[in-house]
Amino acid sequence: MPVLKPFRALRFTPRAGDPSRLLAPPYDVIDEAQAERLRGLDPHNSVRLVLPEGPAPQRYALAAERLSSWLAEGILAEDTEPAAYVYRQTFVVPSGPEREPVERMRRCLFAALELEPLSAGGVLPHEETHSGPKEDRLALTLACEAQLSAVFLVAGDASGDFQA
């Protein structure tokens, strides 16, 4: 059975400025034009870490350097205690031409997932991953010594116990 654990998150501090200028969508939905727009919003926009400019491997070193700098400058800070983080997300599901859009809410839990062999069957792999993006994310993670993007997993809650 997968084991979730609390972790110490890195978060923007008030010194970083307006969160609406710092946050970015998940890296894999950002095209180059949107990345440039996000970089232009603020010198500390998170896209500068998760999609650093330039060719590999220099971009990974650039992200690691930025992360270290932002921590030293107090732009980012690590939580003092490990925790699990609850996130509620409300969004509108587009519909067909004869149906109204539907508003949905999902609850998310940010936690560290203890690794286990794939053969254990606790976590199933995504069916359509490609080696290039996986290698890119691994290189970024190793360079920064941090997981900078959430890995989105779906879990059942048949009992309804997760009521955050």
N, C-alpha and C. Protein backbone atom coordinates (compact mmCIF):
# COMPACT_ATOMS: atom_id res chain seq x y z
N MET A 1 0.84 -1.18 0.00
CA MET A 1 0.00 0.00 0.00
C MET A 1 0.89 1.24 0.00
N PRO A 2 0.58 2.23 -0.84
CA PRO A 2 1.39 3.46 -0.88
C PRO A 2 1.38 4.17 0.48
N VAL A 3 2.53 4.72 0.80
CA VAL A 3 2.68 5.43 2.07
C VAL A 3 2.92 6.91 1.77
N LEU A 4 2.04 7.75 2.29
CA LEU A 4 2.18 9.20 2.17
C LEU A 4 2.82 9.73 3.44
N LYS A 5 3.70 10.71 3.27
CA LYS A 5 4.41 11.28 4.42
C LYS A 5 4.38 12.80 4.33
N PRO A 6 4.42 13.46 5.47
CA PRO A 6 4.54 14.92 5.46
C PRO A 6 5.93 15.32 4.95
N PHE A 7 6.03 16.54 4.45
CA PHE A 7 7.32 17.06 3.98
C PHE A 7 7.37 18.55 4.27
N ARG A 8 8.56 19.12 4.15
CA ARG A 8 8.74 20.55 4.38
C ARG A 8 8.74 21.26 3.04
N ALA A 9 7.66 21.95 2.75
CA ALA A 9 7.49 22.61 1.46
C ALA A 9 8.33 23.88 1.37
N LEU A 10 8.68 24.22 0.15
CA LEU A 10 9.25 25.53 -0.15
C LEU A 10 8.10 26.42 -0.59
N ARG A 11 8.04 27.62 -0.02
CA ARG A 11 6.95 28.54 -0.38
C ARG A 11 7.50 29.94 -0.59
N PHE A 12 6.80 30.68 -1.44
CA PHE A 12 7.13 32.08 -1.58
C PHE A 12 6.83 32.79 -0.27
N THR A 13 7.67 33.73 0.10
CA THR A 13 7.46 34.55 1.28
C THR A 13 6.78 35.85 0.86
N PRO A 14 6.27 36.64 1.81
CA PRO A 14 5.71 37.94 1.45
C PRO A 14 6.71 38.83 0.71
N ARG A 15 7.99 38.64 0.99
CA ARG A 15 9.03 39.43 0.32
C ARG A 15 9.01 39.23 -1.20
N ALA A 16 8.51 38.08 -1.66
CA ALA A 16 8.48 37.77 -3.09
C ALA A 16 7.49 38.65 -3.84
N GLY A 17 6.43 39.08 -3.15
CA GLY A 17 5.45 39.92 -3.81
C GLY A 17 4.12 39.24 -4.03
N ASP A 18 3.37 39.76 -4.99
CA ASP A 18 2.01 39.34 -5.29
C ASP A 18 1.99 37.91 -5.84
N PRO A 19 1.34 36.96 -5.14
CA PRO A 19 1.31 35.58 -5.63
C PRO A 19 0.75 35.42 -7.03
N SER A 20 -0.16 36.30 -7.44
CA SER A 20 -0.73 36.18 -8.78
C SER A 20 0.32 36.43 -9.86
N ARG A 21 1.42 37.06 -9.50
CA ARG A 21 2.50 37.30 -10.46
C ARG A 21 3.62 36.26 -10.34
N LEU A 22 3.51 35.38 -9.35
CA LEU A 22 4.58 34.41 -9.07
C LEU A 22 4.24 32.99 -9.48
N LEU A 23 2.97 32.67 -9.50
CA LEU A 23 2.54 31.30 -9.73
C LEU A 23 2.33 31.03 -11.21
N ALA A 24 2.51 29.76 -11.58
CA ALA A 24 2.36 29.36 -12.98
C ALA A 24 1.61 28.03 -13.03
N PRO A 25 0.98 27.74 -14.16
CA PRO A 25 0.32 26.44 -14.31
C PRO A 25 1.36 25.31 -14.30
N PRO A 26 0.92 24.08 -14.30
CA PRO A 26 1.87 22.96 -14.40
C PRO A 26 2.73 23.10 -15.66
N TYR A 27 3.99 22.72 -15.52
CA TYR A 27 4.97 22.92 -16.58
C TYR A 27 4.55 22.31 -17.92
N ASP A 28 3.82 21.20 -17.88
CA ASP A 28 3.54 20.48 -19.11
C ASP A 28 2.37 21.05 -19.92
N VAL A 29 1.77 22.13 -19.43
CA VAL A 29 0.71 22.79 -20.22
C VAL A 29 1.14 24.19 -20.66
N ILE A 30 2.39 24.54 -20.40
CA ILE A 30 2.89 25.87 -20.73
C ILE A 30 3.65 25.80 -22.05
N ASP A 31 3.18 26.55 -23.05
CA ASP A 31 3.95 26.62 -24.30
C ASP A 31 4.97 27.76 -24.18
N GLU A 32 5.84 27.88 -25.16
CA GLU A 32 6.92 28.87 -25.07
C GLU A 32 6.40 30.30 -24.98
N ALA A 33 5.32 30.63 -25.69
CA ALA A 33 4.76 31.98 -25.63
C ALA A 33 4.24 32.28 -24.22
N GLN A 34 3.56 31.32 -23.61
CA GLN A 34 3.06 31.54 -22.26
C GLN A 34 4.22 31.60 -21.26
N ALA A 35 5.25 30.79 -21.47
CA ALA A 35 6.42 30.84 -20.58
C ALA A 35 7.04 32.23 -20.62
N GLU A 36 7.18 32.80 -21.81
CA GLU A 36 7.74 34.15 -21.93
C GLU A 36 6.85 35.18 -21.24
N ARG A 37 5.54 35.05 -21.40
CA ARG A 37 4.61 35.98 -20.74
C ARG A 37 4.75 35.88 -19.22
N LEU A 38 4.83 34.66 -18.70
CA LEU A 38 4.98 34.45 -17.26
C LEU A 38 6.31 35.00 -16.76
N ARG A 39 7.38 34.78 -17.50
CA ARG A 39 8.69 35.32 -17.11
C ARG A 39 8.64 36.85 -17.04
N GLY A 40 7.84 37.45 -17.92
CA GLY A 40 7.71 38.90 -17.94
C GLY A 40 6.89 39.47 -16.80
N LEU A 41 6.10 38.63 -16.14
CA LEU A 41 5.27 39.12 -15.03
C LEU A 41 6.10 39.53 -13.82
N ASP A 42 7.14 38.73 -13.54
CA ASP A 42 7.91 38.97 -12.32
C ASP A 42 9.23 38.23 -12.43
N PRO A 43 10.31 38.81 -11.94
CA PRO A 43 11.60 38.11 -12.00
C PRO A 43 11.64 36.85 -11.13
N HIS A 44 10.63 36.69 -10.28
CA HIS A 44 10.59 35.50 -9.41
C HIS A 44 9.43 34.57 -9.76
N ASN A 45 8.87 34.72 -10.95
CA ASN A 45 7.78 33.81 -11.34
C ASN A 45 8.30 32.38 -11.33
N SER A 46 7.50 31.47 -10.83
CA SER A 46 7.93 30.08 -10.67
C SER A 46 8.28 29.39 -11.98
N VAL A 47 7.81 29.92 -13.11
CA VAL A 47 8.17 29.32 -14.40
C VAL A 47 9.69 29.40 -14.61
N ARG A 48 10.34 30.36 -13.98
CA ARG A 48 11.80 30.49 -14.10
C ARG A 48 12.53 29.32 -13.45
N LEU A 49 11.85 28.61 -12.55
CA LEU A 49 12.43 27.41 -11.95
C LEU A 49 12.02 26.15 -12.71
N VAL A 50 10.73 26.04 -13.01
CA VAL A 50 10.23 24.78 -13.58
C VAL A 50 10.47 24.68 -15.09
N LEU A 51 10.63 25.81 -15.78
CA LEU A 51 10.95 25.82 -17.22
C LEU A 51 12.04 26.86 -17.47
N PRO A 52 13.22 26.63 -16.94
CA PRO A 52 14.28 27.62 -17.12
C PRO A 52 14.68 27.75 -18.59
N GLU A 53 15.19 28.91 -18.93
CA GLU A 53 15.58 29.20 -20.30
C GLU A 53 16.86 28.47 -20.67
N GLY A 54 17.06 28.30 -21.97
CA GLY A 54 18.33 27.79 -22.47
C GLY A 54 18.31 26.30 -22.75
N PRO A 55 19.42 25.83 -23.30
CA PRO A 55 19.54 24.41 -23.64
C PRO A 55 19.95 23.59 -22.42
N ALA A 56 19.66 22.30 -22.49
CA ALA A 56 20.15 21.38 -21.46
C ALA A 56 21.64 21.19 -21.71
N PRO A 57 22.46 21.00 -20.73
CA PRO A 57 22.18 20.93 -19.29
C PRO A 57 22.26 22.28 -18.58
N GLN A 58 22.58 23.36 -19.33
CA GLN A 58 22.75 24.66 -18.68
C GLN A 58 21.48 25.13 -17.99
N ARG A 59 20.32 24.81 -18.54
CA ARG A 59 19.08 25.30 -17.92
C ARG A 59 18.85 24.68 -16.54
N TYR A 60 19.32 23.45 -16.34
CA TYR A 60 19.16 22.82 -15.03
C TYR A 60 20.07 23.50 -14.00
N ALA A 61 21.28 23.82 -14.41
CA ALA A 61 22.20 24.54 -13.52
C ALA A 61 21.64 25.93 -13.20
N LEU A 62 21.04 26.57 -14.19
CA LEU A 62 20.43 27.89 -13.98
C LEU A 62 19.30 27.80 -12.96
N ALA A 63 18.44 26.79 -13.08
CA ALA A 63 17.35 26.61 -12.12
C ALA A 63 17.89 26.36 -10.72
N ALA A 64 18.92 25.54 -10.60
CA ALA A 64 19.51 25.25 -9.28
C ALA A 64 20.11 26.51 -8.67
N GLU A 65 20.77 27.31 -9.51
CA GLU A 65 21.35 28.57 -9.03
C GLU A 65 20.26 29.53 -8.58
N ARG A 66 19.20 29.63 -9.35
CA ARG A 66 18.07 30.51 -8.97
C ARG A 66 17.45 30.05 -7.66
N LEU A 67 17.19 28.77 -7.55
CA LEU A 67 16.56 28.24 -6.34
C LEU A 67 17.42 28.59 -5.12
N SER A 68 18.71 28.35 -5.22
CA SER A 68 19.61 28.67 -4.11
C SER A 68 19.59 30.17 -3.80
N SER A 69 19.61 30.98 -4.82
CA SER A 69 19.59 32.43 -4.65
C SER A 69 18.29 32.90 -4.01
N TRP A 70 17.17 32.39 -4.49
CA TRP A 70 15.88 32.80 -3.94
C TRP A 70 15.74 32.38 -2.48
N LEU A 71 16.29 31.25 -2.12
CA LEU A 71 16.27 30.83 -0.72
C LEU A 71 17.16 31.77 0.11
N ALA A 72 18.35 32.08 -0.37
CA ALA A 72 19.28 32.96 0.35
C ALA A 72 18.71 34.37 0.50
N GLU A 73 17.98 34.84 -0.52
CA GLU A 73 17.41 36.20 -0.50
C GLU A 73 16.11 36.28 0.29
N GLY A 74 15.56 35.13 0.70
CA GLY A 74 14.29 35.14 1.42
C GLY A 74 13.08 35.24 0.52
N ILE A 75 13.25 35.02 -0.77
CA ILE A 75 12.13 34.99 -1.71
C ILE A 75 11.32 33.71 -1.49
N LEU A 76 12.04 32.63 -1.25
CA LEU A 76 11.45 31.34 -0.88
C LEU A 76 11.94 30.97 0.50
N ALA A 77 11.12 30.22 1.22
CA ALA A 77 11.53 29.70 2.52
C ALA A 77 10.97 28.28 2.67
N GLU A 78 11.72 27.47 3.37
CA GLU A 78 11.27 26.11 3.64
C GLU A 78 10.49 26.11 4.95
N ASP A 79 9.34 25.45 4.96
CA ASP A 79 8.56 25.33 6.19
C ASP A 79 9.42 24.70 7.28
N THR A 80 9.21 25.13 8.51
CA THR A 80 10.03 24.61 9.61
C THR A 80 9.63 23.21 10.03
N GLU A 81 8.38 22.85 9.84
CA GLU A 81 7.89 21.53 10.23
C GLU A 81 7.33 20.80 9.02
N PRO A 82 7.52 19.50 8.97
CA PRO A 82 6.89 18.72 7.89
C PRO A 82 5.37 18.77 8.03
N ALA A 83 4.68 18.76 6.90
CA ALA A 83 3.22 18.79 6.90
C ALA A 83 2.70 18.17 5.61
N ALA A 84 1.44 17.86 5.61
CA ALA A 84 0.70 17.53 4.39
C ALA A 84 -0.17 18.75 4.12
N TYR A 85 -0.37 19.08 2.86
CA TYR A 85 -1.02 20.32 2.49
C TYR A 85 -2.29 20.03 1.71
N VAL A 86 -3.40 20.57 2.18
CA VAL A 86 -4.69 20.37 1.52
C VAL A 86 -4.96 21.53 0.59
N TYR A 87 -5.47 21.21 -0.57
CA TYR A 87 -5.75 22.21 -1.60
C TYR A 87 -7.11 21.90 -2.19
N ARG A 88 -7.99 22.88 -2.20
CA ARG A 88 -9.29 22.73 -2.84
C ARG A 88 -9.25 23.53 -4.14
N GLN A 89 -9.69 22.89 -5.19
CA GLN A 89 -9.65 23.53 -6.51
C GLN A 89 -11.05 23.50 -7.11
N THR A 90 -11.55 24.67 -7.46
CA THR A 90 -12.84 24.76 -8.14
C THR A 90 -12.57 25.16 -9.59
N PHE A 91 -13.24 24.49 -10.50
CA PHE A 91 -13.02 24.76 -11.92
C PHE A 91 -14.31 24.47 -12.68
N VAL A 92 -14.38 24.99 -13.89
CA VAL A 92 -15.55 24.79 -14.74
C VAL A 92 -15.18 23.81 -15.84
N VAL A 93 -16.01 22.80 -16.00
CA VAL A 93 -15.83 21.81 -17.05
C VAL A 93 -16.61 22.30 -18.27
N PRO A 94 -15.90 22.55 -19.37
CA PRO A 94 -16.62 22.98 -20.57
C PRO A 94 -17.58 21.89 -21.03
N SER A 95 -18.60 22.30 -21.72
CA SER A 95 -19.57 21.32 -22.19
C SER A 95 -19.80 21.49 -23.69
N GLY A 96 -20.61 20.62 -24.23
CA GLY A 96 -20.95 20.68 -25.64
C GLY A 96 -21.85 21.86 -25.95
N PRO A 97 -22.17 22.04 -27.21
CA PRO A 97 -22.95 23.21 -27.63
C PRO A 97 -24.35 23.27 -27.02
N GLU A 98 -24.92 22.16 -26.61
CA GLU A 98 -26.28 22.17 -26.07
C GLU A 98 -26.33 21.94 -24.57
N ARG A 99 -25.17 21.99 -23.91
CA ARG A 99 -25.14 21.75 -22.46
C ARG A 99 -24.44 22.91 -21.77
N GLU A 100 -24.88 23.19 -20.57
CA GLU A 100 -24.28 24.25 -19.78
C GLU A 100 -22.96 23.76 -19.18
N PRO A 101 -21.98 24.66 -19.02
CA PRO A 101 -20.76 24.28 -18.30
C PRO A 101 -21.09 23.87 -16.87
N VAL A 102 -20.31 22.98 -16.31
CA VAL A 102 -20.55 22.47 -14.96
C VAL A 102 -19.38 22.84 -14.07
N GLU A 103 -19.69 23.40 -12.91
CA GLU A 103 -18.63 23.71 -11.95
C GLU A 103 -18.34 22.47 -11.11
N ARG A 104 -17.07 22.19 -10.93
CA ARG A 104 -16.63 21.03 -10.13
C ARG A 104 -15.64 21.50 -9.07
N MET A 105 -15.51 20.71 -8.02
CA MET A 105 -14.52 20.98 -6.98
C MET A 105 -13.80 19.67 -6.70
N ARG A 106 -12.49 19.75 -6.58
CA ARG A 106 -11.73 18.57 -6.16
C ARG A 106 -10.83 18.96 -5.01
N ARG A 107 -10.61 18.01 -4.15
CA ARG A 107 -9.72 18.20 -3.01
C ARG A 107 -8.42 17.47 -3.33
N CYS A 108 -7.34 18.15 -3.06
CA CYS A 108 -6.02 17.59 -3.33
C CYS A 108 -5.23 17.57 -2.02
N LEU A 109 -4.35 16.62 -1.94
CA LEU A 109 -3.46 16.51 -0.80
C LEU A 109 -2.04 16.47 -1.33
N PHE A 110 -1.24 17.43 -0.90
CA PHE A 110 0.18 17.44 -1.26
C PHE A 110 0.92 16.74 -0.13
N ALA A 111 1.62 15.68 -0.48
CA ALA A 111 2.40 14.91 0.49
C ALA A 111 3.52 14.22 -0.26
N ALA A 112 4.51 13.76 0.47
CA ALA A 112 5.58 12.97 -0.12
C ALA A 112 5.07 11.53 -0.23
N LEU A 113 5.39 10.90 -1.33
CA LEU A 113 4.99 9.52 -1.56
C LEU A 113 6.24 8.65 -1.45
N GLU A 114 6.20 7.71 -0.53
CA GLU A 114 7.33 6.80 -0.38
C GLU A 114 7.41 5.92 -1.62
N LEU A 115 8.60 5.84 -2.19
CA LEU A 115 8.78 5.03 -3.38
C LEU A 115 8.72 3.55 -3.03
N GLU A 116 8.17 2.80 -3.95
CA GLU A 116 8.13 1.35 -3.81
C GLU A 116 8.29 0.76 -5.20
N PRO A 117 8.67 -0.50 -5.29
CA PRO A 117 8.82 -1.10 -6.61
C PRO A 117 7.49 -1.10 -7.37
N LEU A 118 7.57 -0.89 -8.67
CA LEU A 118 6.37 -0.90 -9.50
C LEU A 118 5.62 -2.21 -9.33
N SER A 119 6.36 -3.28 -9.11
CA SER A 119 5.73 -4.61 -8.97
C SER A 119 4.85 -4.71 -7.73
N ALA A 120 4.99 -3.78 -6.77
CA ALA A 120 4.14 -3.81 -5.58
C ALA A 120 2.70 -3.47 -5.93
N GLY A 121 2.49 -2.75 -7.03
CA GLY A 121 1.14 -2.47 -7.51
C GLY A 121 0.40 -1.37 -6.78
N GLY A 122 1.04 -0.69 -5.86
CA GLY A 122 0.36 0.36 -5.11
C GLY A 122 0.12 1.62 -5.93
N VAL A 123 1.06 1.94 -6.78
CA VAL A 123 0.94 3.11 -7.65
C VAL A 123 1.10 2.61 -9.08
N LEU A 124 0.12 2.88 -9.89
CA LEU A 124 0.15 2.45 -11.28
C LEU A 124 0.72 3.57 -12.14
N PRO A 125 1.52 3.24 -13.14
CA PRO A 125 2.10 4.28 -13.99
C PRO A 125 1.07 4.89 -14.91
N HIS A 126 1.32 6.12 -15.28
CA HIS A 126 0.49 6.78 -16.29
C HIS A 126 0.68 6.02 -17.60
N GLU A 127 -0.38 5.90 -18.35
CA GLU A 127 -0.30 5.07 -19.55
C GLU A 127 0.36 5.74 -20.74
N GLU A 128 0.56 7.05 -20.71
CA GLU A 128 1.11 7.72 -21.89
C GLU A 128 2.25 8.66 -21.54
N THR A 129 3.25 8.17 -20.85
CA THR A 129 4.41 9.01 -20.56
C THR A 129 5.48 8.77 -21.62
N HIS A 130 6.30 9.77 -21.82
CA HIS A 130 7.36 9.68 -22.83
C HIS A 130 8.71 9.89 -22.17
N SER A 131 9.73 9.26 -22.69
CA SER A 131 11.04 9.29 -22.06
C SER A 131 11.63 10.70 -22.00
N GLY A 132 11.45 11.52 -23.04
CA GLY A 132 12.02 12.87 -23.04
C GLY A 132 11.58 13.72 -21.86
N PRO A 133 10.27 13.89 -21.64
CA PRO A 133 9.82 14.67 -20.49
C PRO A 133 10.25 14.07 -19.15
N LYS A 134 10.26 12.75 -19.04
CA LYS A 134 10.70 12.13 -17.79
C LYS A 134 12.18 12.42 -17.52
N GLU A 135 13.00 12.32 -18.56
CA GLU A 135 14.42 12.62 -18.41
C GLU A 135 14.64 14.08 -18.06
N ASP A 136 13.87 14.98 -18.67
CA ASP A 136 13.96 16.40 -18.39
C ASP A 136 13.63 16.70 -16.93
N ARG A 137 12.52 16.16 -16.45
CA ARG A 137 12.11 16.41 -15.06
C ARG A 137 13.10 15.81 -14.07
N LEU A 138 13.64 14.63 -14.39
CA LEU A 138 14.63 14.02 -13.50
C LEU A 138 15.89 14.87 -13.45
N ALA A 139 16.36 15.35 -14.59
CA ALA A 139 17.56 16.20 -14.61
C ALA A 139 17.35 17.47 -13.80
N LEU A 140 16.16 18.08 -13.91
CA LEU A 140 15.86 19.28 -13.14
C LEU A 140 15.82 18.97 -11.64
N THR A 141 15.18 17.88 -11.28
CA THR A 141 15.08 17.48 -9.87
C THR A 141 16.46 17.21 -9.28
N LEU A 142 17.30 16.50 -10.00
CA LEU A 142 18.65 16.20 -9.51
C LEU A 142 19.49 17.46 -9.38
N ALA A 143 19.41 18.35 -10.36
CA ALA A 143 20.19 19.59 -10.31
C ALA A 143 19.78 20.47 -9.13
N CYS A 144 18.47 20.56 -8.90
CA CYS A 144 17.95 21.44 -7.84
C CYS A 144 17.88 20.76 -6.48
N GLU A 145 18.01 19.44 -6.48
CA GLU A 145 17.83 18.66 -5.25
C GLU A 145 16.49 18.98 -4.61
N ALA A 146 15.48 19.14 -5.47
CA ALA A 146 14.13 19.43 -5.01
C ALA A 146 13.15 19.05 -6.11
N GLN A 147 11.97 18.65 -5.70
CA GLN A 147 10.88 18.38 -6.64
C GLN A 147 10.12 19.69 -6.77
N LEU A 148 10.24 20.36 -7.91
CA LEU A 148 9.68 21.70 -8.08
C LEU A 148 8.26 21.71 -8.61
N SER A 149 7.78 20.59 -9.11
CA SER A 149 6.43 20.50 -9.63
C SER A 149 5.72 19.34 -8.98
N ALA A 150 4.47 19.55 -8.68
CA ALA A 150 3.68 18.47 -8.10
C ALA A 150 3.48 17.38 -9.14
N VAL A 151 3.47 16.16 -8.68
CA VAL A 151 3.11 15.03 -9.53
C VAL A 151 1.67 14.70 -9.18
N PHE A 152 0.81 14.85 -10.14
CA PHE A 152 -0.63 14.70 -9.89
C PHE A 152 -1.00 13.23 -9.95
N LEU A 153 -1.53 12.72 -8.87
CA LEU A 153 -2.00 11.35 -8.78
C LEU A 153 -3.48 11.36 -8.47
N VAL A 154 -4.17 10.35 -8.89
CA VAL A 154 -5.59 10.22 -8.59
C VAL A 154 -5.75 9.02 -7.67
N ALA A 155 -6.50 9.22 -6.60
CA ALA A 155 -6.73 8.15 -5.63
C ALA A 155 -8.21 8.07 -5.31
N GLY A 156 -8.68 6.88 -5.12
CA GLY A 156 -10.07 6.69 -4.73
C GLY A 156 -10.27 6.96 -3.25
N ASP A 157 -11.46 7.36 -2.90
CA ASP A 157 -11.82 7.59 -1.49
C ASP A 157 -13.25 7.07 -1.30
N ALA A 158 -13.42 5.76 -1.52
CA ALA A 158 -14.75 5.16 -1.47
C ALA A 158 -15.42 5.38 -0.12
N SER A 159 -14.62 5.46 0.95
CA SER A 159 -15.20 5.63 2.28
C SER A 159 -15.61 7.08 2.54
N GLY A 160 -15.09 8.01 1.76
CA GLY A 160 -15.42 9.43 1.98
C GLY A 160 -14.68 10.01 3.16
N ASP A 161 -13.57 9.39 3.59
CA ASP A 161 -12.85 9.84 4.76
C ASP A 161 -12.10 11.16 4.54
N PHE A 162 -11.71 11.44 3.31
CA PHE A 162 -10.95 12.66 3.04
C PHE A 162 -11.95 13.82 2.87
N GLN A 163 -12.16 14.55 3.93
CA GLN A 163 -13.16 15.63 3.95
C GLN A 163 -12.53 17.00 4.14
N ALA A 164 -11.31 17.17 3.74
CA ALA A 164 -10.63 18.46 3.96
C ALA A 164 -11.30 19.56 3.17
